[in-house]
Amino acid sequence: MSRDVNQPQGSVPRNVYVDIEYQQIDAVTKRLVKMQYTLLDLDTNIADLNYTLHVSFTPLGYVGLINEFAFSPTLYTILCGLVAVLSIIAVVRRRFVLLC
């Protein structure tokens, strides 16, 4: 974790934001895919123990899950193969159209 050099040493956050992105496996099971946190409103009064925790849960769609590599390597192998075949078809088709 890096520290904001503009804030004084020993600062504590008053607002903590936790963003959790997950994959819905079934009706009750979720799989954590990505989590990030943000510490805001830093204060040097360490005697004050109050802070606010904000938690958000976001289900990822198919594109988000693919971008986060949440599926098995087999799926990505098939996906890359499909993209390669479609690319070859597009190039061949374009050259065929240019020749005619």
C-alpha atoms as a PDB file:
ATOM      1  CA  MET A   1       0.000   0.000   0.000  1.00  0.00           C
ATOM      2  CA  SER A   2       1.354   3.403  -0.881  1.00  0.00           C
ATOM      3  CA  ARG A   3       0.905   6.542   1.164  1.00  0.00           C
ATOM      4  CA  ASP A   4      -0.189   9.965  -0.072  1.00  0.00           C
ATOM      5  CA  VAL A   5       2.909  12.104   0.450  1.00  0.00           C
ATOM      6  CA  ASN A   6       0.692  15.211   0.786  1.00  0.00           C
ATOM      7  CA  GLN A   7      -0.786  13.850   4.020  1.00  0.00           C
ATOM      8  CA  PRO A   8       1.121  14.074   7.308  1.00  0.00           C
ATOM      9  CA  GLN A   9       2.790  10.964   8.732  1.00  0.00           C
ATOM     10  CA  GLY A  10       0.490   9.016  11.095  1.00  0.00           C
ATOM     11  CA  SER A  11      -2.785  10.068   9.458  1.00  0.00           C
ATOM     12  CA  VAL A  12      -5.775   7.765   9.901  1.00  0.00           C
ATOM     13  CA  PRO A  13      -8.720   7.440   7.485  1.00  0.00           C
ATOM     14  CA  ARG A  14     -12.202   8.584   8.501  1.00  0.00           C
ATOM     15  CA  ASN A  15     -13.910   6.996   5.469  1.00  0.00           C
ATOM     16  CA  VAL A  16     -12.989   3.527   4.213  1.00  0.00           C
ATOM     17  CA  TYR A  17     -14.554   2.322   0.949  1.00  0.00           C
ATOM     18  CA  VAL A  18     -14.429  -1.393   0.104  1.00  0.00           C
ATOM     19  CA  ASP A  19     -15.593  -2.425  -3.372  1.00  0.00           C
ATOM     20  CA  ILE A  20     -16.134  -6.156  -3.855  1.00  0.00           C
ATOM     21  CA  GLU A  21     -16.775  -7.627  -7.298  1.00  0.00           C
ATOM     22  CA  TYR A  22     -17.953 -11.225  -7.429  1.00  0.00           C
ATOM     23  CA  GLN A  23     -19.142 -14.039  -9.659  1.00  0.00           C
ATOM     24  CA  GLN A  24     -22.558 -15.505  -8.820  1.00  0.00           C
ATOM     25  CA  ILE A  25     -22.031 -19.285  -8.878  1.00  0.00           C
ATOM     26  CA  ASP A  26     -25.563 -20.333  -7.878  1.00  0.00           C
ATOM     27  CA  ALA A  27     -28.487 -18.924  -5.864  1.00  0.00           C
ATOM     28  CA  VAL A  28     -26.467 -18.671  -2.641  1.00  0.00           C
ATOM     29  CA  THR A  29     -22.793 -19.058  -3.622  1.00  0.00           C
ATOM     30  CA  LYS A  30     -20.609 -16.146  -4.672  1.00  0.00           C
ATOM     31  CA  ARG A  31     -16.940 -16.219  -5.625  1.00  0.00           C
ATOM     32  CA  LEU A  32     -14.782 -13.185  -4.895  1.00  0.00           C
ATOM     33  CA  VAL A  33     -13.140 -11.992  -8.114  1.00  0.00           C
ATOM     34  CA  LYS A  34     -11.762  -8.568  -7.222  1.00  0.00           C
ATOM     35  CA  MET A  35     -11.632  -6.355  -4.163  1.00  0.00           C
ATOM     36  CA  GLN A  36     -10.200  -2.886  -3.736  1.00  0.00           C
ATOM     37  CA  TYR A  37     -10.264  -0.373  -0.946  1.00  0.00           C
ATOM     38  CA  THR A  38      -9.896   3.373  -0.749  1.00  0.00           C
ATOM     39  CA  LEU A  39      -8.927   5.330   2.351  1.00  0.00           C
ATOM     40  CA  LEU A  40     -10.251   8.905   2.409  1.00  0.00           C
ATOM     41  CA  ASP A  41     -10.521  11.912   4.700  1.00  0.00           C
ATOM     42  CA  LEU A  42      -7.233  11.325   6.492  1.00  0.00           C
ATOM     43  CA  ASP A  43      -6.936  12.882   9.931  1.00  0.00           C
ATOM     44  CA  THR A  44      -4.050  13.244  12.374  1.00  0.00           C
ATOM     45  CA  ASN A  45      -6.253  12.992  15.493  1.00  0.00           C
ATOM     46  CA  ILE A  46      -5.438   9.381  16.411  1.00  0.00           C
ATOM     47  CA  ALA A  47      -7.346   9.657  19.712  1.00  0.00           C
ATOM     48  CA  ASP A  48     -10.606   9.725  17.715  1.00  0.00           C
ATOM     49  CA  LEU A  49     -11.392   6.093  16.844  1.00  0.00           C
ATOM     50  CA  ASN A  50     -14.487   6.866  14.749  1.00  0.00           C
ATOM     51  CA  TYR A  51     -14.587   6.029  11.053  1.00  0.00           C
ATOM     52  CA  THR A  52     -17.205   5.059   8.481  1.00  0.00           C
ATOM     53  CA  LEU A  53     -16.959   1.827   6.515  1.00  0.00           C
ATOM     54  CA  HIS A  54     -18.693   1.777   3.119  1.00  0.00           C
ATOM     55  CA  VAL A  55     -18.989  -1.664   1.499  1.00  0.00           C
ATOM     56  CA  SER A  56     -20.376  -2.272  -1.980  1.00  0.00           C
ATOM     57  CA  PHE A  57     -20.986  -5.673  -3.589  1.00  0.00           C
ATOM     58  CA  THR A  58     -21.161  -5.750  -7.388  1.00  0.00           C
ATOM     59  CA  PRO A  59     -21.894  -8.856  -9.466  1.00  0.00           C
ATOM     60  CA  LEU A  60     -19.784  -9.033 -12.600  1.00  0.00           C
ATOM     61  CA  GLY A  61     -21.334  -9.810 -15.983  1.00  0.00           C
ATOM     62  CA  TYR A  62     -19.766 -12.113 -18.560  1.00  0.00           C
ATOM     63  CA  VAL A  63     -17.522  -9.431 -20.069  1.00  0.00           C
ATOM     64  CA  GLY A  64     -16.309  -8.353 -16.629  1.00  0.00           C
ATOM     65  CA  LEU A  65     -15.610 -11.961 -15.654  1.00  0.00           C
ATOM     66  CA  ILE A  66     -13.700 -12.561 -18.891  1.00  0.00           C
ATOM     67  CA  ASN A  67     -11.649  -9.369 -18.355  1.00  0.00           C
ATOM     68  CA  GLU A  68     -10.787 -10.465 -14.809  1.00  0.00           C
ATOM     69  CA  PHE A  69      -9.821 -13.995 -15.969  1.00  0.00           C
ATOM     70  CA  ALA A  70     -12.420 -15.546 -13.664  1.00  0.00           C
ATOM     71  CA  PHE A  71     -13.080 -18.603 -15.844  1.00  0.00           C
ATOM     72  CA  SER A  72     -11.037 -21.748 -16.421  1.00  0.00           C
ATOM     73  CA  PRO A  73      -8.005 -21.743 -18.749  1.00  0.00           C
ATOM     74  CA  THR A  74      -9.943 -24.054 -21.095  1.00  0.00           C
ATOM     75  CA  LEU A  75     -12.506 -21.343 -21.789  1.00  0.00           C
ATOM     76  CA  TYR A  76      -9.765 -18.820 -22.642  1.00  0.00           C
ATOM     77  CA  THR A  77      -8.089 -21.346 -24.949  1.00  0.00           C
ATOM     78  CA  ILE A  78     -11.397 -21.868 -26.771  1.00  0.00           C
ATOM     79  CA  LEU A  79     -12.053 -18.108 -26.850  1.00  0.00           C
ATOM     80  CA  CYS A  80      -8.601 -17.351 -28.303  1.00  0.00           C
ATOM     81  CA  GLY A  81      -9.030 -20.115 -30.885  1.00  0.00           C
ATOM     82  CA  LEU A  82     -12.421 -18.735 -31.885  1.00  0.00           C
ATOM     83  CA  VAL A  83     -11.036 -15.207 -32.258  1.00  0.00           C
ATOM     84  CA  ALA A  84      -8.150 -16.567 -34.363  1.00  0.00           C
ATOM     85  CA  VAL A  85     -10.488 -18.491 -36.675  1.00  0.00           C
ATOM     86  CA  LEU A  86     -12.792 -15.491 -37.083  1.00  0.00           C
ATOM     87  CA  SER A  87      -9.799 -13.259 -37.834  1.00  0.00           C
ATOM     88  CA  ILE A  88      -8.567 -15.646 -40.519  1.00  0.00           C
ATOM     89  CA  ILE A  89     -12.032 -15.833 -42.067  1.00  0.00           C
ATOM     90  CA  ALA A  90     -12.274 -12.020 -42.107  1.00  0.00           C
ATOM     91  CA  VAL A  91      -8.875 -11.642 -43.791  1.00  0.00           C
ATOM     92  CA  VAL A  92      -9.556 -14.350 -46.389  1.00  0.00           C
ATOM     93  CA  ARG A  93     -12.991 -12.934 -47.135  1.00  0.00           C
ATOM     94  CA  ARG A  94     -11.589  -9.425 -47.542  1.00  0.00           C
ATOM     95  CA  ARG A  95      -8.868 -10.631 -49.933  1.00  0.00           C
ATOM     96  CA  PHE A  96     -11.441 -12.607 -51.894  1.00  0.00           C
ATOM     97  CA  VAL A  97     -13.623  -9.506 -52.247  1.00  0.00           C
ATOM     98  CA  LEU A  98     -10.604  -7.431 -53.364  1.00  0.00           C
ATOM     99  CA  LEU A  99      -9.703 -10.021 -56.036  1.00  0.00           C
ATOM    100  CA  CYS A 100     -13.187 -10.035 -57.549  1.00  0.00           C
END
